[in-house]
PDB file of N, CA and C in Angstrom:
ATOM      1  N   MET A   1     -28.504  -9.940 -95.624  1.00  0.00           N
ATOM      2  CA  MET A   1     -29.277 -10.081 -94.270  1.00  0.00           C
ATOM      3  C   MET A   1     -29.718 -11.301 -93.869  1.00  0.00           C
ATOM      4  N   SER A   2     -29.918 -12.298 -94.946  1.00  0.00           N
ATOM      5  CA  SER A   2     -30.295 -13.670 -94.393  1.00  0.00           C
ATOM      6  C   SER A   2     -29.049 -14.309 -93.541  1.00  0.00           C
ATOM      7  N   ALA A   3     -27.986 -14.202 -94.440  1.00  0.00           N
ATOM      8  CA  ALA A   3     -26.706 -14.729 -93.830  1.00  0.00           C
ATOM      9  C   ALA A   3     -26.405 -14.257 -92.397  1.00  0.00           C
ATOM     10  N   ARG A   4     -26.564 -13.087 -92.099  1.00  0.00           N
ATOM     11  CA  ARG A   4     -26.569 -12.339 -90.847  1.00  0.00           C
ATOM     12  C   ARG A   4     -27.414 -12.915 -89.897  1.00  0.00           C
ATOM     13  N   ALA A   5     -28.601 -13.026 -90.317  1.00  0.00           N
ATOM     14  CA  ALA A   5     -29.806 -13.616 -89.413  1.00  0.00           C
ATOM     15  C   ALA A   5     -29.221 -15.124 -89.036  1.00  0.00           C
ATOM     16  N   PHE A   6     -28.896 -15.850 -89.850  1.00  0.00           N
ATOM     17  CA  PHE A   6     -28.405 -17.252 -89.583  1.00  0.00           C
ATOM     18  C   PHE A   6     -27.043 -17.388 -88.730  1.00  0.00           C
ATOM     19  N   THR A   7     -26.174 -16.322 -88.861  1.00  0.00           N
ATOM     20  CA  THR A   7     -25.095 -16.103 -87.927  1.00  0.00           C
ATOM     21  C   THR A   7     -25.696 -15.857 -86.726  1.00  0.00           C
ATOM     22  N   LEU A   8     -26.467 -14.976 -86.350  1.00  0.00           N
ATOM     23  CA  LEU A   8     -26.964 -14.711 -84.902  1.00  0.00           C
ATOM     24  C   LEU A   8     -27.558 -15.883 -84.446  1.00  0.00           C
ATOM     25  N   ILE A   9     -28.575 -16.569 -85.164  1.00  0.00           N
ATOM     26  CA  ILE A   9     -29.169 -17.866 -84.766  1.00  0.00           C
ATOM     27  C   ILE A   9     -28.178 -18.995 -84.337  1.00  0.00           C
ATOM     28  N   ALA A  10     -27.053 -19.075 -85.164  1.00  0.00           N
ATOM     29  CA  ALA A  10     -26.156 -20.328 -84.781  1.00  0.00           C
ATOM     30  C   ALA A  10     -25.427 -19.570 -83.675  1.00  0.00           C
ATOM     31  N   GLY A  11     -25.085 -18.434 -83.468  1.00  0.00           N
ATOM     32  CA  GLY A  11     -24.343 -17.831 -82.274  1.00  0.00           C
ATOM     33  C   GLY A  11     -25.133 -17.959 -80.993  1.00  0.00           C
ATOM     34  N   GLY A  12     -26.562 -18.150 -80.888  1.00  0.00           N
ATOM     35  CA  GLY A  12     -27.212 -18.195 -79.784  1.00  0.00           C
ATOM     36  C   GLY A  12     -27.653 -16.808 -79.640  1.00  0.00           C
ATOM     37  N   ASP A  13     -27.415 -15.668 -80.451  1.00  0.00           N
ATOM     38  CA  ASP A  13     -27.714 -14.377 -80.271  1.00  0.00           C
ATOM     39  C   ASP A  13     -29.261 -13.904 -80.661  1.00  0.00           C
ATOM     40  N   ALA A  14     -29.945 -15.016 -81.174  1.00  0.00           N
ATOM     41  CA  ALA A  14     -31.185 -14.671 -81.712  1.00  0.00           C
ATOM     42  C   ALA A  14     -32.538 -15.000 -80.843  1.00  0.00           C
ATOM     43  N   GLY A  15     -32.163 -15.583 -79.718  1.00  0.00           N
ATOM     44  CA  GLY A  15     -32.972 -16.294 -78.623  1.00  0.00           C
ATOM     45  C   GLY A  15     -33.384 -15.154 -77.707  1.00  0.00           C
ATOM     46  N   TRP A  16     -34.412 -14.634 -77.779  1.00  0.00           N
ATOM     47  CA  TRP A  16     -34.761 -13.471 -76.521  1.00  0.00           C
ATOM     48  C   TRP A  16     -36.156 -14.000 -76.037  1.00  0.00           C
ATOM     49  N   LEU A  17     -36.291 -13.439 -74.979  1.00  0.00           N
ATOM     50  CA  LEU A  17     -37.744 -13.592 -74.472  1.00  0.00           C
ATOM     51  C   LEU A  17     -38.388 -12.171 -74.073  1.00  0.00           C
ATOM     52  N   SER A  18     -39.720 -11.937 -74.312  1.00  0.00           N
ATOM     53  CA  SER A  18     -40.440 -10.650 -74.005  1.00  0.00           C
ATOM     54  C   SER A  18     -41.545 -10.915 -73.409  1.00  0.00           C
ATOM     55  N   ASP A  19     -42.147 -10.021 -72.759  1.00  0.00           N
ATOM     56  CA  ASP A  19     -43.418 -10.270 -72.097  1.00  0.00           C
ATOM     57  C   ASP A  19     -44.545  -9.702 -72.741  1.00  0.00           C
ATOM     58  N   ASP A  20     -44.415  -9.622 -74.231  1.00  0.00           N
ATOM     59  CA  ASP A  20     -45.348  -9.317 -74.938  1.00  0.00           C
ATOM     60  C   ASP A  20     -46.889 -10.315 -74.950  1.00  0.00           C
ATOM     61  N   VAL A  21     -46.341 -11.625 -74.776  1.00  0.00           N
ATOM     62  CA  VAL A  21     -47.476 -12.519 -74.808  1.00  0.00           C
ATOM     63  C   VAL A  21     -48.381 -12.562 -73.741  1.00  0.00           C
ATOM     64  N   PRO A  22     -47.861 -12.798 -72.426  1.00  0.00           N
ATOM     65  CA  PRO A  22     -48.436 -12.696 -71.282  1.00  0.00           C
ATOM     66  C   PRO A  22     -49.315 -11.134 -70.975  1.00  0.00           C
ATOM     67  N   SER A  23     -48.821 -10.142 -71.688  1.00  0.00           N
ATOM     68  CA  SER A  23     -49.164  -8.758 -71.533  1.00  0.00           C
ATOM     69  C   SER A  23     -50.780  -8.638 -72.160  1.00  0.00           C
ATOM     70  N   ILE A  24     -50.825  -9.286 -73.347  1.00  0.00           N
ATOM     71  CA  ILE A  24     -52.086  -9.224 -74.138  1.00  0.00           C
ATOM     72  C   ILE A  24     -53.200  -9.887 -73.218  1.00  0.00           C
ATOM     73  N   PRO A  25     -53.287 -11.064 -72.967  1.00  0.00           N
ATOM     74  CA  PRO A  25     -54.389 -11.913 -72.237  1.00  0.00           C
ATOM     75  C   PRO A  25     -54.385 -11.334 -70.669  1.00  0.00           C
ATOM     76  N   GLY A  26     -53.168 -10.704 -70.188  1.00  0.00           N
ATOM     77  CA  GLY A  26     -53.053 -10.341 -68.818  1.00  0.00           C
ATOM     78  C   GLY A  26     -52.985 -11.639 -67.894  1.00  0.00           C
ATOM     79  N   ARG A  27     -52.340 -12.676 -68.352  1.00  0.00           N
ATOM     80  CA  ARG A  27     -52.106 -14.003 -67.410  1.00  0.00           C
ATOM     81  C   ARG A  27     -50.857 -14.526 -67.918  1.00  0.00           C
ATOM     82  N   PRO A  28     -50.128 -15.410 -67.256  1.00  0.00           N
ATOM     83  CA  PRO A  28     -49.032 -16.185 -67.672  1.00  0.00           C
ATOM     84  C   PRO A  28     -49.551 -17.194 -68.774  1.00  0.00           C
ATOM     85  N   VAL A  29     -48.537 -17.221 -69.567  1.00  0.00           N
ATOM     86  CA  VAL A  29     -48.718 -18.443 -70.808  1.00  0.00           C
ATOM     87  C   VAL A  29     -48.904 -19.864 -70.068  1.00  0.00           C
ATOM     88  N   ARG A  30     -49.434 -20.607 -70.979  1.00  0.00           N
ATOM     89  CA  ARG A  30     -49.456 -22.181 -70.903  1.00  0.00           C
ATOM     90  C   ARG A  30     -48.075 -22.693 -71.365  1.00  0.00           C
ATOM     91  N   SER A  31     -47.589 -23.670 -70.826  1.00  0.00           N
ATOM     92  CA  SER A  31     -46.672 -24.588 -71.463  1.00  0.00           C
ATOM     93  C   SER A  31     -47.296 -25.500 -72.504  1.00  0.00           C
ATOM     94  N   CYS A  32     -46.686 -25.823 -73.167  1.00  0.00           N
ATOM     95  CA  CYS A  32     -46.913 -26.693 -74.401  1.00  0.00           C
ATOM     96  C   CYS A  32     -47.939 -28.207 -73.537  1.00  0.00           C
ATOM     97  N   GLN A  33     -47.384 -28.404 -72.529  1.00  0.00           N
ATOM     98  CA  GLN A  33     -47.966 -29.860 -71.774  1.00  0.00           C
ATOM     99  C   GLN A  33     -49.448 -29.370 -71.350  1.00  0.00           C
ATOM    100  N   GLN A  34     -49.281 -27.909 -70.815  1.00  0.00           N
ATOM    101  CA  GLN A  34     -50.579 -27.533 -70.378  1.00  0.00           C
ATOM    102  C   GLN A  34     -51.753 -27.304 -71.505  1.00  0.00           C
ATOM    103  N   PHE A  35     -51.192 -27.033 -72.485  1.00  0.00           N
ATOM    104  CA  PHE A  35     -52.119 -26.605 -73.836  1.00  0.00           C
ATOM    105  C   PHE A  35     -52.768 -27.908 -74.371  1.00  0.00           C
ATOM    106  N   ALA A  36     -51.490 -28.891 -74.507  1.00  0.00           N
ATOM    107  CA  ALA A  36     -52.169 -30.348 -74.969  1.00  0.00           C
ATOM    108  C   ALA A  36     -53.098 -30.873 -74.170  1.00  0.00           C
ATOM    109  N   GLY A  37     -53.004 -30.591 -72.885  1.00  0.00           N
ATOM    110  CA  GLY A  37     -54.089 -31.157 -71.934  1.00  0.00           C
ATOM    111  C   GLY A  37     -55.594 -30.829 -72.135  1.00  0.00           C
ATOM    112  N   TYR A  38     -55.763 -29.358 -72.559  1.00  0.00           N
ATOM    113  CA  TYR A  38     -56.848 -29.101 -73.056  1.00  0.00           C
ATOM    114  C   TYR A  38     -57.413 -29.198 -74.439  1.00  0.00           C
ATOM    115  N   ALA A  39     -56.512 -29.959 -75.174  1.00  0.00           N
ATOM    116  CA  ALA A  39     -57.038 -30.494 -76.523  1.00  0.00           C
ATOM    117  C   ALA A  39     -58.040 -31.505 -76.464  1.00  0.00           C
ATOM    118  N   VAL A  40     -59.013 -31.510 -77.399  1.00  0.00           N
ATOM    119  CA  VAL A  40     -60.176 -32.445 -77.501  1.00  0.00           C
ATOM    120  C   VAL A  40     -59.966 -33.064 -78.737  1.00  0.00           C
ATOM    121  N   VAL A  41     -60.019 -34.442 -78.659  1.00  0.00           N
ATOM    122  CA  VAL A  41     -60.044 -35.276 -79.789  1.00  0.00           C
ATOM    123  C   VAL A  41     -61.368 -35.497 -80.271  1.00  0.00           C
ATOM    124  N   SER A  42     -61.644 -35.594 -81.404  1.00  0.00           N
ATOM    125  CA  SER A  42     -62.716 -36.000 -81.959  1.00  0.00           C
ATOM    126  C   SER A  42     -63.031 -37.449 -82.099  1.00  0.00           C
ATOM    127  N   PRO A  43     -63.904 -37.895 -81.452  1.00  0.00           N
ATOM    128  CA  PRO A  43     -64.234 -39.503 -81.641  1.00  0.00           C
ATOM    129  C   PRO A  43     -64.341 -40.062 -83.174  1.00  0.00           C
ATOM    130  N   ARG A  44     -64.565 -39.130 -84.208  1.00  0.00           N
ATOM    131  CA  ARG A  44     -64.494 -39.575 -85.470  1.00  0.00           C
ATOM    132  C   ARG A  44     -63.199 -39.700 -86.170  1.00  0.00           C
ATOM    133  N   LEU A  45     -61.983 -39.415 -85.397  1.00  0.00           N
ATOM    134  CA  LEU A  45     -60.814 -39.545 -85.816  1.00  0.00           C
ATOM    135  C   LEU A  45     -60.329 -40.879 -85.952  1.00  0.00           C
TER     136      LEU A  45
END
């Protein structure tokens, strides 16, 4: 099974999109850049 999974990944057949995440909060998901913009850095770091 692991070999089959890696074969699918290598062939590009394991990349799929679903609408599961947007359906949970009921809004579009944020991009990584948008998410990083909301990050708060502690002044103690």
